[in-house]
Amino acid sequence: MLTLTKKLRREQESRDDQSSSSDKQGEGHVHQFESNNNDIIAQQRGPPKRVSVRDRLLVKEVQELNSALPSSCELKFDDPDKLHDFHLTITPDEGYWRNGQFLFHVHVTEEYNFAPPIVKCLTRLWHPNINEEGSVCLSLLRQSSIDEMGWAPTRRLKDVVWGLNSLFTDLLNFDDPLNLEASEMYQKDAHAFQQRVNEYIQKYSNKKQSSSSSSSNRR
């Protein structure tokens, strides 16, 4: 005989069973959602990035360069995680340009070290081997060179920095000029050449100017 108490108890047990089943289904949906969400995040992130040969080389080369940087040179990395892109400031302590400060932009391509870095002078100056557009004539920056001093995979970033620094001293070359007018002026009148150098230093390369100011002059 089904009493009222038993009936109520059965109805309660039935409701409890339905509630438990509903909870389990809900948990299943949650787990499925989390799994799908994790899959989407993983797809968005993609596979882990590989470090290029260039970047592996530069980690060591920049450390070596910083420990043996010429006193007239200063490196600046706008982004410390991008060692392939930096600025070099050269402040010659002797020679025709000793009162100036010259900013260079150096970009190391993915082809490094089979290809040389791309270098541009951002400060206007009067120089036989650097024209007023910022192009630089330096043998080691050439893929091939008639003097057999062009780029080779054995060269390093420090060779580039030391080479640029030496353009203001012992690598200065009036016989193979990029700026022909500057070279001819020196050949005809060295004093006039020095005056023109000083004029450019005063106008474009004052030490009181910031690097960004020097950069804007080139733009």
C-alpha atoms as a PDB file:
ATOM      1  CA  MET A   1       0.000   0.000   0.000  1.00  0.00           C
ATOM      2  CA  LEU A   2       1.373   3.369  -1.103  1.00  0.00           C
ATOM      3  CA  THR A   3       1.053   5.789   1.719  1.00  0.00           C
ATOM      4  CA  LEU A   4       1.226   9.583   1.326  1.00  0.00           C
ATOM      5  CA  THR A   5       4.622   9.628   2.979  1.00  0.00           C
ATOM      6  CA  LYS A   6       6.050   7.096   0.540  1.00  0.00           C
ATOM      7  CA  LYS A   7       4.530   8.948  -2.394  1.00  0.00           C
ATOM      8  CA  LEU A   8       6.094  12.230  -1.346  1.00  0.00           C
ATOM      9  CA  ARG A   9       9.429  10.496  -0.777  1.00  0.00           C
ATOM     10  CA  ARG A  10       9.368   8.948  -4.285  1.00  0.00           C
ATOM     11  CA  GLU A  11       8.504  12.283  -5.884  1.00  0.00           C
ATOM     12  CA  GLN A  12      11.444  13.915  -4.028  1.00  0.00           C
ATOM     13  CA  GLU A  13      13.830  11.130  -5.100  1.00  0.00           C
ATOM     14  CA  SER A  14      12.656  11.509  -8.696  1.00  0.00           C
ATOM     15  CA  ARG A  15      13.298  15.271  -8.598  1.00  0.00           C
ATOM     16  CA  ASP A  16      16.755  14.675  -7.080  1.00  0.00           C
ATOM     17  CA  ASP A  17      17.632  12.197  -9.856  1.00  0.00           C
ATOM     18  CA  GLN A  18      16.570  14.680 -12.533  1.00  0.00           C
ATOM     19  CA  SER A  19      18.559  17.469 -10.881  1.00  0.00           C
ATOM     20  CA  SER A  20      21.681  15.289 -10.649  1.00  0.00           C
ATOM     21  CA  SER A  21      21.394  14.318 -14.293  1.00  0.00           C
ATOM     22  CA  SER A  22      20.998  17.964 -15.294  1.00  0.00           C
ATOM     23  CA  ASP A  23      24.098  18.937 -13.294  1.00  0.00           C
ATOM     24  CA  LYS A  24      26.165  16.244 -14.987  1.00  0.00           C
ATOM     25  CA  GLN A  25      25.038  17.445 -18.398  1.00  0.00           C
ATOM     26  CA  GLY A  26      25.956  21.005 -17.406  1.00  0.00           C
ATOM     27  CA  GLU A  27      29.386  19.915 -16.272  1.00  0.00           C
ATOM     28  CA  GLY A  28      29.873  18.145 -19.571  1.00  0.00           C
ATOM     29  CA  HIS A  29      29.016  21.340 -21.461  1.00  0.00           C
ATOM     30  CA  VAL A  30      31.460  23.343 -19.314  1.00  0.00           C
ATOM     31  CA  HIS A  31      34.282  20.870 -19.909  1.00  0.00           C
ATOM     32  CA  GLN A  32      33.541  20.839 -23.616  1.00  0.00           C
ATOM     33  CA  PHE A  33      33.527  24.672 -23.698  1.00  0.00           C
ATOM     34  CA  GLU A  34      36.845  24.872 -21.849  1.00  0.00           C
ATOM     35  CA  SER A  35      38.369  22.314 -24.193  1.00  0.00           C
ATOM     36  CA  ASN A  36      37.144  24.178 -27.281  1.00  0.00           C
ATOM     37  CA  ASN A  37      38.350  27.494 -25.835  1.00  0.00           C
ATOM     38  CA  ASN A  38      41.803  26.070 -25.163  1.00  0.00           C
ATOM     39  CA  ASP A  39      41.949  24.781 -28.740  1.00  0.00           C
ATOM     40  CA  ILE A  40      41.061  28.229 -30.076  1.00  0.00           C
ATOM     41  CA  ILE A  41      43.728  29.913 -27.916  1.00  0.00           C
ATOM     42  CA  ALA A  42      46.323  27.387 -29.059  1.00  0.00           C
ATOM     43  CA  GLN A  43      45.397  28.035 -32.701  1.00  0.00           C
ATOM     44  CA  GLN A  44      45.660  31.805 -32.195  1.00  0.00           C
ATOM     45  CA  ARG A  45      49.057  31.491 -30.585  1.00  0.00           C
ATOM     46  CA  GLY A  46      50.292  29.254 -33.362  1.00  0.00           C
ATOM     47  CA  PRO A  47      53.458  27.193 -33.249  1.00  0.00           C
ATOM     48  CA  PRO A  48      56.364  28.519 -31.156  1.00  0.00           C
ATOM     49  CA  LYS A  49      58.565  30.988 -33.038  1.00  0.00           C
ATOM     50  CA  ARG A  50      61.964  29.784 -34.142  1.00  0.00           C
ATOM     51  CA  VAL A  51      64.989  31.927 -33.433  1.00  0.00           C
ATOM     52  CA  SER A  52      66.712  32.810 -36.705  1.00  0.00           C
ATOM     53  CA  VAL A  53      70.376  32.142 -37.415  1.00  0.00           C
ATOM     54  CA  ARG A  54      70.904  35.890 -37.585  1.00  0.00           C
ATOM     55  CA  ASP A  55      69.485  36.488 -34.114  1.00  0.00           C
ATOM     56  CA  ARG A  56      71.524  33.688 -32.581  1.00  0.00           C
ATOM     57  CA  LEU A  57      74.691  35.181 -34.069  1.00  0.00           C
ATOM     58  CA  LEU A  58      73.849  38.699 -32.920  1.00  0.00           C
ATOM     59  CA  VAL A  59      73.382  37.760 -29.267  1.00  0.00           C
ATOM     60  CA  LYS A  60      77.036  36.796 -29.045  1.00  0.00           C
ATOM     61  CA  GLU A  61      78.315  39.489 -31.404  1.00  0.00           C
ATOM     62  CA  VAL A  62      76.623  42.360 -29.577  1.00  0.00           C
ATOM     63  CA  GLN A  63      78.109  41.163 -26.292  1.00  0.00           C
ATOM     64  CA  GLU A  64      81.570  41.072 -27.857  1.00  0.00           C
ATOM     65  CA  LEU A  65      81.048  44.477 -29.436  1.00  0.00           C
ATOM     66  CA  ASN A  66      79.963  46.119 -26.190  1.00  0.00           C
ATOM     67  CA  SER A  67      83.113  44.873 -24.487  1.00  0.00           C
ATOM     68  CA  ALA A  68      85.373  46.265 -27.220  1.00  0.00           C
ATOM     69  CA  LEU A  69      83.555  49.376 -28.434  1.00  0.00           C
ATOM     70  CA  PRO A  70      85.769  52.287 -29.550  1.00  0.00           C
ATOM     71  CA  SER A  71      85.688  55.173 -27.082  1.00  0.00           C
ATOM     72  CA  SER A  72      84.305  57.443 -29.805  1.00  0.00           C
ATOM     73  CA  CYS A  73      81.292  55.169 -30.435  1.00  0.00           C
ATOM     74  CA  GLU A  74      77.990  54.622 -28.677  1.00  0.00           C
ATOM     75  CA  LEU A  75      75.291  52.045 -29.456  1.00  0.00           C
ATOM     76  CA  LYS A  76      71.592  52.526 -28.857  1.00  0.00           C
ATOM     77  CA  PHE A  77      68.937  49.822 -29.230  1.00  0.00           C
ATOM     78  CA  ASP A  78      65.423  51.254 -29.370  1.00  0.00           C
ATOM     79  CA  ASP A  79      64.120  47.755 -28.667  1.00  0.00           C
ATOM     80  CA  PRO A  80      66.485  45.497 -26.651  1.00  0.00           C
ATOM     81  CA  ASP A  81      64.772  42.457 -28.180  1.00  0.00           C
ATOM     82  CA  LYS A  82      65.703  43.583 -31.697  1.00  0.00           C
ATOM     83  CA  LEU A  83      69.475  43.366 -31.854  1.00  0.00           C
ATOM     84  CA  HIS A  84      69.333  43.562 -35.647  1.00  0.00           C
ATOM     85  CA  ASP A  85      68.230  47.187 -35.621  1.00  0.00           C
ATOM     86  CA  PHE A  86      70.178  49.882 -33.790  1.00  0.00           C
ATOM     87  CA  HIS A  87      71.764  53.332 -33.943  1.00  0.00           C
ATOM     88  CA  LEU A  88      75.451  54.101 -33.745  1.00  0.00           C
ATOM     89  CA  THR A  89      76.711  57.531 -32.716  1.00  0.00           C
ATOM     90  CA  ILE A  90      80.293  58.399 -33.617  1.00  0.00           C
ATOM     91  CA  THR A  91      82.007  61.360 -31.986  1.00  0.00           C
ATOM     92  CA  PRO A  92      85.484  61.606 -33.553  1.00  0.00           C
ATOM     93  CA  ASP A  93      88.214  62.703 -31.162  1.00  0.00           C
ATOM     94  CA  GLU A  94      90.660  63.537 -33.951  1.00  0.00           C
ATOM     95  CA  GLY A  95      90.766  64.483 -37.628  1.00  0.00           C
ATOM     96  CA  TYR A  96      88.639  66.841 -39.701  1.00  0.00           C
ATOM     97  CA  TRP A  97      85.365  65.913 -37.966  1.00  0.00           C
ATOM     98  CA  ARG A  98      86.578  65.897 -34.357  1.00  0.00           C
ATOM     99  CA  ASN A  99      84.034  68.523 -33.260  1.00  0.00           C
ATOM    100  CA  GLY A 100      81.060  66.628 -34.649  1.00  0.00           C
ATOM    101  CA  GLN A 101      78.638  63.920 -33.640  1.00  0.00           C
ATOM    102  CA  PHE A 102      77.298  61.635 -36.351  1.00  0.00           C
ATOM    103  CA  LEU A 103      74.339  59.269 -36.145  1.00  0.00           C
ATOM    104  CA  PHE A 104      74.150  56.053 -38.195  1.00  0.00           C
ATOM    105  CA  HIS A 105      71.303  53.584 -38.538  1.00  0.00           C
ATOM    106  CA  VAL A 106      72.346  49.934 -38.860  1.00  0.00           C
ATOM    107  CA  HIS A 107      69.936  47.222 -39.984  1.00  0.00           C
ATOM    108  CA  VAL A 108      71.064  43.595 -40.085  1.00  0.00           C
ATOM    109  CA  THR A 109      68.987  41.615 -42.582  1.00  0.00           C
ATOM    110  CA  GLU A 110      67.890  37.996 -42.248  1.00  0.00           C
ATOM    111  CA  GLU A 111      70.578  37.074 -44.797  1.00  0.00           C
ATOM    112  CA  TYR A 112      73.300  37.895 -42.252  1.00  0.00           C
ATOM    113  CA  ASN A 113      76.053  36.812 -42.105  1.00  0.00           C
ATOM    114  CA  PHE A 114      76.126  36.010 -45.816  1.00  0.00           C
ATOM    115  CA  ALA A 115      75.101  39.596 -46.566  1.00  0.00           C
ATOM    116  CA  PRO A 116      76.394  42.801 -44.949  1.00  0.00           C
ATOM    117  CA  PRO A 117      74.247  45.043 -42.749  1.00  0.00           C
ATOM    118  CA  ILE A 118      72.507  48.022 -44.347  1.00  0.00           C
ATOM    119  CA  VAL A 119      73.972  51.285 -43.041  1.00  0.00           C
ATOM    120  CA  LYS A 120      72.757  54.843 -43.489  1.00  0.00           C
ATOM    121  CA  CYS A 121      74.158  58.051 -42.047  1.00  0.00           C
ATOM    122  CA  LEU A 122      71.341  60.130 -40.549  1.00  0.00           C
ATOM    123  CA  THR A 123      73.447  63.249 -39.981  1.00  0.00           C
ATOM    124  CA  ARG A 124      74.349  65.421 -42.951  1.00  0.00           C
ATOM    125  CA  LEU A 125      78.072  65.962 -43.261  1.00  0.00           C
ATOM    126  CA  TRP A 126      80.725  66.941 -45.788  1.00  0.00           C
ATOM    127  CA  HIS A 127      82.731  63.801 -46.374  1.00  0.00           C
ATOM    128  CA  PRO A 128      84.275  62.195 -49.485  1.00  0.00           C
ATOM    129  CA  ASN A 129      83.015  58.701 -48.553  1.00  0.00           C
ATOM    130  CA  ILE A 130      79.546  59.619 -47.239  1.00  0.00           C
ATOM    131  CA  ASN A 131      77.197  61.613 -49.441  1.00  0.00           C
ATOM    132  CA  GLU A 132      74.572  64.097 -48.298  1.00  0.00           C
ATOM    133  CA  GLU A 133      71.799  61.509 -48.758  1.00  0.00           C
ATOM    134  CA  GLY A 134      73.414  59.297 -46.129  1.00  0.00           C
ATOM    135  CA  SER A 135      74.870  56.567 -48.350  1.00  0.00           C
ATOM    136  CA  VAL A 136      78.164  55.175 -47.079  1.00  0.00           C
ATOM    137  CA  CYS A 137      81.117  54.041 -49.201  1.00  0.00           C
ATOM    138  CA  LEU A 138      82.950  51.394 -47.192  1.00  0.00           C
ATOM    139  CA  SER A 139      84.427  48.297 -48.826  1.00  0.00           C
ATOM    140  CA  LEU A 140      83.286  45.811 -46.201  1.00  0.00           C
ATOM    141  CA  LEU A 141      79.670  46.907 -46.689  1.00  0.00           C
ATOM    142  CA  ARG A 142      79.800  45.767 -50.321  1.00  0.00           C
ATOM    143  CA  GLN A 143      78.765  42.257 -51.317  1.00  0.00           C
ATOM    144  CA  SER A 144      81.723  42.287 -53.696  1.00  0.00           C
ATOM    145  CA  SER A 145      84.611  44.712 -53.922  1.00  0.00           C
ATOM    146  CA  ILE A 146      87.404  45.211 -56.465  1.00  0.00           C
ATOM    147  CA  ASP A 147      89.914  45.637 -53.640  1.00  0.00           C
ATOM    148  CA  GLU A 148      88.926  42.220 -52.251  1.00  0.00           C
ATOM    149  CA  MET A 149      87.994  43.907 -48.981  1.00  0.00           C
ATOM    150  CA  GLY A 150      84.259  43.412 -49.427  1.00  0.00           C
ATOM    151  CA  TRP A 151      81.876  41.543 -47.181  1.00  0.00           C
ATOM    152  CA  ALA A 152      82.526  37.914 -46.271  1.00  0.00           C
ATOM    153  CA  PRO A 153      80.765  35.531 -43.845  1.00  0.00           C
ATOM    154  CA  THR A 154      83.872  35.665 -41.655  1.00  0.00           C
ATOM    155  CA  ARG A 155      83.255  39.341 -40.902  1.00  0.00           C
ATOM    156  CA  ARG A 156      81.441  40.417 -37.771  1.00  0.00           C
ATOM    157  CA  LEU A 157      79.348  43.302 -36.526  1.00  0.00           C
ATOM    158  CA  LYS A 158      82.362  44.759 -34.739  1.00  0.00           C
ATOM    159  CA  ASP A 159      84.110  45.042 -38.118  1.00  0.00           C
ATOM    160  CA  VAL A 160      81.255  47.234 -39.338  1.00  0.00           C
ATOM    161  CA  VAL A 161      81.366  49.533 -36.297  1.00  0.00           C
ATOM    162  CA  TRP A 162      85.150  49.834 -36.341  1.00  0.00           C
ATOM    163  CA  GLY A 163      85.049  50.425 -40.086  1.00  0.00           C
ATOM    164  CA  LEU A 164      82.520  53.246 -39.802  1.00  0.00           C
ATOM    165  CA  ASN A 165      84.534  54.792 -36.986  1.00  0.00           C
ATOM    166  CA  SER A 166      87.694  54.604 -39.128  1.00  0.00           C
ATOM    167  CA  LEU A 167      86.039  56.537 -41.963  1.00  0.00           C
ATOM    168  CA  PHE A 168      86.822  59.603 -39.889  1.00  0.00           C
ATOM    169  CA  THR A 169      90.499  58.678 -39.509  1.00  0.00           C
ATOM    170  CA  ASP A 170      92.659  56.043 -41.226  1.00  0.00           C
ATOM    171  CA  LEU A 171      90.043  54.674 -43.698  1.00  0.00           C
ATOM    172  CA  LEU A 172      89.287  58.148 -45.047  1.00  0.00           C
ATOM    173  CA  ASN A 173      89.699  57.834 -48.832  1.00  0.00           C
ATOM    174  CA  PHE A 174      89.864  60.832 -51.181  1.00  0.00           C
ATOM    175  CA  ASP A 175      90.917  58.698 -54.175  1.00  0.00           C
ATOM    176  CA  ASP A 176      87.723  56.606 -54.387  1.00  0.00           C
ATOM    177  CA  PRO A 177      85.060  59.118 -53.352  1.00  0.00           C
ATOM    178  CA  LEU A 178      81.298  58.816 -53.135  1.00  0.00           C
ATOM    179  CA  ASN A 179      81.002  62.586 -52.813  1.00  0.00           C
ATOM    180  CA  LEU A 180      83.161  63.665 -55.752  1.00  0.00           C
ATOM    181  CA  GLU A 181      82.718  67.370 -55.029  1.00  0.00           C
ATOM    182  CA  ALA A 182      84.053  66.987 -51.499  1.00  0.00           C
ATOM    183  CA  SER A 183      87.076  65.071 -52.764  1.00  0.00           C
ATOM    184  CA  GLU A 184      87.844  67.629 -55.477  1.00  0.00           C
ATOM    185  CA  MET A 185      87.543  70.469 -52.968  1.00  0.00           C
ATOM    186  CA  TYR A 186      90.088  68.790 -50.724  1.00  0.00           C
ATOM    187  CA  GLN A 187      92.480  68.232 -53.637  1.00  0.00           C
ATOM    188  CA  LYS A 188      92.263  71.890 -54.662  1.00  0.00           C
ATOM    189  CA  ASP A 189      92.092  73.579 -51.277  1.00  0.00           C
ATOM    190  CA  ALA A 190      92.330  71.563 -48.038  1.00  0.00           C
ATOM    191  CA  HIS A 191      91.625  74.689 -45.993  1.00  0.00           C
ATOM    192  CA  ALA A 192      88.368  75.329 -47.855  1.00  0.00           C
ATOM    193  CA  PHE A 193      87.475  71.677 -47.354  1.00  0.00           C
ATOM    194  CA  GLN A 194      87.968  71.990 -43.584  1.00  0.00           C
ATOM    195  CA  GLN A 195      85.822  75.128 -43.524  1.00  0.00           C
ATOM    196  CA  ARG A 196      82.999  73.320 -45.323  1.00  0.00           C
ATOM    197  CA  VAL A 197      83.290  70.393 -42.899  1.00  0.00           C
ATOM    198  CA  ASN A 198      83.010  72.813 -39.966  1.00  0.00           C
ATOM    199  CA  GLU A 199      80.002  74.548 -41.514  1.00  0.00           C
ATOM    200  CA  TYR A 200      78.160  71.241 -41.765  1.00  0.00           C
ATOM    201  CA  ILE A 201      79.113  70.340 -38.206  1.00  0.00           C
ATOM    202  CA  GLN A 202      77.755  73.629 -36.911  1.00  0.00           C
ATOM    203  CA  LYS A 203      74.542  73.318 -38.913  1.00  0.00           C
ATOM    204  CA  TYR A 204      73.739  69.612 -38.634  1.00  0.00           C
ATOM    205  CA  SER A 205      75.990  67.998 -36.046  1.00  0.00           C
ATOM    206  CA  ASN A 206      76.069  70.158 -32.942  1.00  0.00           C
ATOM    207  CA  LYS A 207      76.731  67.950 -29.906  1.00  0.00           C
ATOM    208  CA  LYS A 208      73.932  69.686 -28.021  1.00  0.00           C
ATOM    209  CA  GLN A 209      71.420  68.208 -30.423  1.00  0.00           C
ATOM    210  CA  SER A 210      69.703  64.968 -29.457  1.00  0.00           C
ATOM    211  CA  SER A 211      69.790  61.878 -31.647  1.00  0.00           C
ATOM    212  CA  SER A 212      66.185  62.482 -32.671  1.00  0.00           C
ATOM    213  CA  SER A 213      67.054  66.017 -33.700  1.00  0.00           C
ATOM    214  CA  SER A 214      69.911  64.750 -35.851  1.00  0.00           C
ATOM    215  CA  SER A 215      67.578  62.184 -37.367  1.00  0.00           C
ATOM    216  CA  SER A 216      64.971  64.797 -38.264  1.00  0.00           C
ATOM    217  CA  ASN A 217      67.618  66.801 -40.122  1.00  0.00           C
ATOM    218  CA  ARG A 218      68.071  63.848 -42.482  1.00  0.00           C
ATOM    219  CA  ARG A 219      64.326  63.608 -43.142  1.00  0.00           C
END
